[in-house]
């Protein structure tokens, strides 16, 4: 749902979660990501973007995303009723766990 073109979008997703070993770190330049699990807890990994060294692809300007194969510095769980927010300086990976997940991803343009 686009609330403001190229500025604020709310996506309702139903991904199948993955094992930690299959997750890749992701970064964005223009958007803040807010992840809100609705149906069950969701695992996340995090690393400071400045510490990334292993890009797995070039930056995709159209999708405002790039993935990395670096190991995370930390991991944590977010439960329904909580949220995780990631700024452009945060590398993150989500949807870690087992089964299907109903969640919101809110994208907010930084500038």
N, C-alpha and C. Protein backbone atom coordinates (compact mmCIF):
# COMPACT_ATOMS: atom_id res chain seq x y z
N UNK A 1 0.85 -1.17 0.00
CA UNK A 1 0.00 0.00 0.00
C UNK A 1 0.90 1.24 0.00
N UNK A 2 0.82 2.01 -1.07
CA UNK A 2 1.61 3.24 -1.16
C UNK A 2 0.81 4.36 -0.49
N UNK A 3 1.33 4.87 0.60
CA UNK A 3 0.66 5.95 1.32
C UNK A 3 1.10 7.31 0.80
N UNK A 4 2.36 7.40 0.37
CA UNK A 4 2.87 8.59 -0.29
C UNK A 4 3.92 8.12 -1.30
N UNK A 5 3.71 8.43 -2.57
CA UNK A 5 4.59 7.95 -3.65
C UNK A 5 6.05 8.23 -3.36
N UNK A 6 6.87 7.19 -3.45
CA UNK A 6 8.32 7.26 -3.23
C UNK A 6 8.71 7.84 -1.87
N UNK A 7 7.80 7.69 -0.87
CA UNK A 7 8.12 8.22 0.45
C UNK A 7 7.68 7.31 1.59
N UNK A 8 6.50 6.68 1.45
CA UNK A 8 5.97 5.86 2.55
C UNK A 8 5.13 4.73 1.97
N UNK A 9 5.58 3.50 2.24
CA UNK A 9 4.89 2.31 1.74
C UNK A 9 4.75 1.30 2.87
N UNK A 10 3.59 0.65 2.92
CA UNK A 10 3.36 -0.43 3.88
C UNK A 10 3.09 -1.69 3.06
N UNK A 11 3.90 -2.71 3.31
CA UNK A 11 3.75 -3.98 2.60
C UNK A 11 3.29 -5.04 3.58
N UNK A 12 2.29 -5.82 3.19
CA UNK A 12 1.84 -6.97 3.96
C UNK A 12 2.47 -8.19 3.29
N UNK A 13 3.32 -8.89 4.02
CA UNK A 13 4.05 -10.03 3.47
C UNK A 13 3.70 -11.31 4.22
N UNK A 14 3.78 -12.43 3.51
CA UNK A 14 3.61 -13.75 4.12
C UNK A 14 4.74 -14.67 3.68
N UNK A 15 5.97 -14.36 4.09
CA UNK A 15 7.10 -15.19 3.65
C UNK A 15 7.19 -16.50 4.44
N UNK A 16 7.83 -17.47 3.81
CA UNK A 16 8.25 -18.67 4.51
C UNK A 16 9.61 -18.34 5.09
N UNK A 17 9.75 -18.51 6.40
CA UNK A 17 11.02 -18.15 7.04
C UNK A 17 12.12 -19.13 6.65
N UNK A 18 13.35 -18.72 6.88
CA UNK A 18 14.51 -19.51 6.47
C UNK A 18 15.46 -19.74 7.63
N UNK A 19 16.33 -20.69 7.46
CA UNK A 19 17.37 -20.95 8.46
C UNK A 19 18.39 -19.82 8.42
N UNK A 20 19.02 -19.59 9.53
CA UNK A 20 20.02 -18.54 9.67
C UNK A 20 21.11 -18.63 8.60
N UNK A 21 21.52 -19.84 8.27
CA UNK A 21 22.60 -20.04 7.30
C UNK A 21 22.22 -19.58 5.90
N UNK A 22 20.94 -19.51 5.59
CA UNK A 22 20.46 -19.10 4.27
C UNK A 22 20.22 -17.59 4.16
N UNK A 23 20.23 -16.89 5.28
CA UNK A 23 19.93 -15.46 5.28
C UNK A 23 21.14 -14.65 4.82
N UNK A 24 20.88 -13.58 4.05
CA UNK A 24 21.94 -12.67 3.61
C UNK A 24 21.66 -11.29 4.16
N UNK A 25 22.73 -10.60 4.51
CA UNK A 25 22.60 -9.24 5.02
C UNK A 25 22.15 -8.32 3.88
N UNK A 26 21.30 -7.33 4.20
CA UNK A 26 20.74 -6.41 3.22
C UNK A 26 20.92 -4.98 3.71
N UNK A 27 21.15 -4.07 2.77
CA UNK A 27 21.25 -2.64 3.10
C UNK A 27 20.40 -1.83 2.13
N UNK A 28 20.04 -0.62 2.56
CA UNK A 28 19.28 0.33 1.74
C UNK A 28 19.93 1.70 1.86
N UNK A 29 19.86 2.49 0.81
CA UNK A 29 20.40 3.86 0.84
C UNK A 29 19.33 4.90 1.17
N UNK A 30 18.14 4.74 0.58
CA UNK A 30 17.14 5.81 0.64
C UNK A 30 15.99 5.56 1.60
N UNK A 31 15.87 4.34 2.13
CA UNK A 31 14.71 4.02 2.95
C UNK A 31 15.08 3.42 4.29
N UNK A 32 14.30 3.73 5.29
CA UNK A 32 14.33 3.07 6.60
C UNK A 32 13.33 1.93 6.50
N UNK A 33 13.68 0.77 7.04
CA UNK A 33 12.77 -0.38 7.10
C UNK A 33 12.27 -0.54 8.52
N UNK A 34 10.96 -0.70 8.67
CA UNK A 34 10.37 -1.06 9.96
C UNK A 34 9.68 -2.41 9.75
N UNK A 35 10.13 -3.42 10.48
CA UNK A 35 9.59 -4.78 10.36
C UNK A 35 8.70 -5.06 11.56
N UNK A 36 7.47 -5.52 11.29
CA UNK A 36 6.48 -5.77 12.34
C UNK A 36 5.92 -7.18 12.16
N UNK A 37 6.41 -8.16 12.93
CA UNK A 37 5.83 -9.51 12.82
C UNK A 37 4.44 -9.52 13.45
N UNK A 38 3.49 -10.17 12.78
CA UNK A 38 2.11 -10.19 13.27
C UNK A 38 1.69 -11.56 13.80
N UNK A 39 2.09 -12.62 13.13
CA UNK A 39 1.56 -13.95 13.46
C UNK A 39 2.44 -14.77 14.38
N UNK A 40 3.74 -14.48 14.43
CA UNK A 40 4.67 -15.26 15.25
C UNK A 40 5.97 -14.49 15.36
N UNK A 41 6.88 -14.98 16.19
CA UNK A 41 8.16 -14.29 16.33
C UNK A 41 9.01 -14.46 15.09
N UNK A 42 9.88 -13.47 14.86
CA UNK A 42 10.75 -13.44 13.69
C UNK A 42 12.17 -13.19 14.14
N UNK A 43 13.09 -13.99 13.62
CA UNK A 43 14.50 -13.79 13.92
C UNK A 43 15.13 -12.79 12.97
N UNK A 44 16.09 -12.02 13.50
CA UNK A 44 16.83 -11.03 12.72
C UNK A 44 18.32 -11.16 13.01
N UNK A 45 19.11 -10.71 12.06
CA UNK A 45 20.56 -10.57 12.24
C UNK A 45 20.91 -9.12 11.89
N UNK A 46 22.00 -8.63 12.48
CA UNK A 46 22.40 -7.24 12.28
C UNK A 46 23.92 -7.12 12.23
N UNK A 47 24.39 -6.14 11.46
CA UNK A 47 25.81 -5.78 11.41
C UNK A 47 25.91 -4.32 10.98
N UNK A 48 26.89 -3.62 11.46
CA UNK A 48 27.13 -2.24 11.05
C UNK A 48 27.50 -2.25 9.56
N UNK A 49 26.81 -1.47 8.78
CA UNK A 49 27.06 -1.43 7.33
C UNK A 49 28.51 -1.10 7.01
N UNK A 50 29.13 -0.24 7.79
CA UNK A 50 30.52 0.16 7.53
C UNK A 50 31.49 -1.01 7.66
N UNK A 51 31.08 -2.08 8.33
CA UNK A 51 31.95 -3.24 8.54
C UNK A 51 31.76 -4.32 7.47
N UNK A 52 30.83 -4.14 6.54
CA UNK A 52 30.59 -5.14 5.50
C UNK A 52 31.75 -5.22 4.52
N UNK A 53 32.07 -6.44 4.09
CA UNK A 53 33.20 -6.65 3.18
C UNK A 53 32.90 -7.57 2.00
N UNK A 54 31.76 -8.28 2.02
CA UNK A 54 31.51 -9.32 1.02
C UNK A 54 30.21 -9.10 0.25
N UNK A 55 30.17 -8.12 -0.68
CA UNK A 55 28.94 -7.94 -1.46
C UNK A 55 28.68 -9.15 -2.33
N UNK A 56 27.41 -9.57 -2.40
CA UNK A 56 27.06 -10.70 -3.26
C UNK A 56 26.46 -10.23 -4.58
N UNK A 57 26.30 -8.91 -4.71
CA UNK A 57 25.73 -8.32 -5.94
C UNK A 57 25.99 -6.82 -5.90
N UNK A 58 25.91 -6.15 -7.06
CA UNK A 58 26.02 -4.69 -7.05
C UNK A 58 24.76 -4.06 -6.43
N UNK A 59 24.86 -2.82 -6.01
CA UNK A 59 23.70 -2.13 -5.46
C UNK A 59 22.66 -1.95 -6.55
N UNK A 60 21.40 -2.29 -6.26
CA UNK A 60 20.29 -2.14 -7.19
C UNK A 60 19.55 -0.85 -6.84
N UNK A 61 19.77 0.20 -7.61
CA UNK A 61 19.16 1.51 -7.34
C UNK A 61 17.63 1.44 -7.41
N UNK A 62 17.10 0.69 -8.37
CA UNK A 62 15.65 0.59 -8.53
C UNK A 62 14.99 -0.02 -7.29
N UNK A 63 15.61 -1.04 -6.71
CA UNK A 63 15.06 -1.71 -5.52
C UNK A 63 15.61 -1.12 -4.22
N UNK A 64 16.56 -0.19 -4.34
CA UNK A 64 17.22 0.40 -3.18
C UNK A 64 17.71 -0.69 -2.23
N UNK A 65 18.46 -1.64 -2.80
CA UNK A 65 18.92 -2.76 -1.97
C UNK A 65 20.21 -3.36 -2.50
N UNK A 66 20.98 -3.90 -1.59
CA UNK A 66 22.17 -4.68 -1.91
C UNK A 66 22.31 -5.74 -0.83
N UNK A 67 22.75 -6.94 -1.24
CA UNK A 67 22.94 -8.04 -0.30
C UNK A 67 24.43 -8.34 -0.12
N UNK A 68 24.74 -8.84 1.06
CA UNK A 68 26.11 -9.18 1.43
C UNK A 68 26.14 -10.58 2.04
N UNK A 69 27.29 -11.23 1.93
CA UNK A 69 27.48 -12.56 2.50
C UNK A 69 28.24 -12.52 3.82
N UNK A 70 28.42 -11.36 4.40
CA UNK A 70 29.11 -11.22 5.69
C UNK A 70 28.31 -11.89 6.81
N UNK A 71 29.02 -12.36 7.81
CA UNK A 71 28.39 -12.89 9.02
C UNK A 71 27.88 -11.73 9.86
N UNK A 72 26.79 -11.90 10.57
CA UNK A 72 26.27 -10.82 11.42
C UNK A 72 27.11 -10.65 12.68
N UNK A 73 26.95 -9.50 13.32
CA UNK A 73 27.57 -9.26 14.62
C UNK A 73 26.64 -9.66 15.76
N UNK A 74 25.34 -9.63 15.50
CA UNK A 74 24.37 -9.97 16.53
C UNK A 74 23.11 -10.53 15.90
N UNK A 75 22.32 -11.21 16.70
CA UNK A 75 21.02 -11.68 16.26
C UNK A 75 20.03 -11.50 17.41
N UNK A 76 18.76 -11.40 17.05
CA UNK A 76 17.72 -11.17 18.05
C UNK A 76 16.37 -11.60 17.50
N UNK A 77 15.38 -11.68 18.38
CA UNK A 77 14.03 -12.09 18.02
C UNK A 77 13.08 -10.94 18.29
N UNK A 78 12.13 -10.74 17.36
CA UNK A 78 11.08 -9.75 17.54
C UNK A 78 9.75 -10.51 17.57
N UNK A 79 8.95 -10.23 18.58
CA UNK A 79 7.67 -10.92 18.78
C UNK A 79 6.51 -10.03 18.31
N UNK A 80 5.34 -10.62 18.04
CA UNK A 80 4.17 -9.79 17.75
C UNK A 80 3.96 -8.77 18.86
N UNK A 81 3.65 -7.53 18.47
CA UNK A 81 3.53 -6.44 19.42
C UNK A 81 4.81 -5.63 19.54
N UNK A 82 5.89 -6.11 18.93
CA UNK A 82 7.17 -5.40 18.89
C UNK A 82 7.50 -5.08 17.43
N UNK A 83 8.57 -4.32 17.21
CA UNK A 83 9.03 -4.03 15.85
C UNK A 83 10.54 -3.87 15.86
N UNK A 84 11.13 -3.96 14.67
CA UNK A 84 12.56 -3.70 14.48
C UNK A 84 12.67 -2.61 13.43
N UNK A 85 13.56 -1.66 13.67
CA UNK A 85 13.76 -0.57 12.71
C UNK A 85 15.22 -0.57 12.27
N UNK A 86 15.42 -0.44 10.95
CA UNK A 86 16.76 -0.47 10.38
C UNK A 86 16.96 0.78 9.52
N UNK A 87 18.03 1.50 9.82
CA UNK A 87 18.39 2.71 9.09
C UNK A 87 19.40 2.35 8.00
N UNK A 88 19.71 3.28 7.08
CA UNK A 88 20.67 2.96 6.02
C UNK A 88 22.04 2.51 6.53
N UNK A 89 22.42 2.87 7.75
CA UNK A 89 23.72 2.42 8.28
C UNK A 89 23.65 1.02 8.90
N UNK A 90 22.47 0.40 8.88
CA UNK A 90 22.28 -0.93 9.45
C UNK A 90 22.16 -1.98 8.35
N UNK A 91 23.02 -3.00 8.40
CA UNK A 91 22.82 -4.18 7.55
C UNK A 91 21.95 -5.14 8.36
N UNK A 92 20.98 -5.75 7.71
CA UNK A 92 20.06 -6.60 8.44
C UNK A 92 19.59 -7.77 7.58
N UNK A 93 19.14 -8.81 8.26
CA UNK A 93 18.51 -9.95 7.61
C UNK A 93 17.37 -10.38 8.52
N UNK A 94 16.22 -10.64 7.94
CA UNK A 94 15.05 -11.05 8.72
C UNK A 94 14.46 -12.34 8.18
N UNK A 95 13.26 -12.63 8.62
CA UNK A 95 12.53 -13.85 8.22
C UNK A 95 13.31 -15.10 8.60
N UNK A 96 13.95 -15.07 9.75
CA UNK A 96 14.72 -16.21 10.21
C UNK A 96 13.89 -16.99 11.22
N UNK A 97 13.70 -18.26 10.94
CA UNK A 97 12.89 -19.10 11.80
C UNK A 97 12.33 -20.25 10.99
N UNK A 98 11.22 -20.81 11.45
CA UNK A 98 10.57 -21.92 10.76
C UNK A 98 9.11 -21.59 10.52
N UNK A 99 8.59 -22.04 9.38
CA UNK A 99 7.19 -21.85 9.07
C UNK A 99 6.91 -20.56 8.34
N UNK A 100 5.63 -20.28 8.21
CA UNK A 100 5.17 -19.09 7.50
C UNK A 100 4.94 -17.96 8.50
N UNK A 101 5.12 -16.74 8.05
CA UNK A 101 5.02 -15.56 8.90
C UNK A 101 4.15 -14.52 8.21
N UNK A 102 3.25 -13.92 8.95
CA UNK A 102 2.51 -12.75 8.47
C UNK A 102 3.17 -11.54 9.11
N UNK A 103 3.58 -10.57 8.29
CA UNK A 103 4.30 -9.41 8.81
C UNK A 103 4.03 -8.18 7.97
N UNK A 104 4.34 -7.03 8.55
CA UNK A 104 4.33 -5.76 7.83
C UNK A 104 5.77 -5.31 7.66
N UNK A 105 6.07 -4.72 6.51
CA UNK A 105 7.32 -4.02 6.31
C UNK A 105 6.93 -2.60 5.87
N UNK A 106 7.35 -1.64 6.66
CA UNK A 106 7.04 -0.24 6.36
C UNK A 106 8.33 0.41 5.89
N UNK A 107 8.26 1.03 4.72
CA UNK A 107 9.44 1.70 4.14
C UNK A 107 9.21 3.21 4.19
N UNK A 108 10.15 3.90 4.83
CA UNK A 108 10.06 5.34 5.02
C UNK A 108 11.28 5.98 4.37
N UNK A 109 11.08 6.88 3.41
CA UNK A 109 12.20 7.54 2.74
C UNK A 109 12.96 8.41 3.74
N UNK A 110 14.28 8.40 3.63
CA UNK A 110 15.12 9.13 4.58
C UNK A 110 15.25 10.61 4.22
N UNK A 111 15.24 10.94 2.94
CA UNK A 111 15.42 12.34 2.56
C UNK A 111 14.72 12.61 1.26
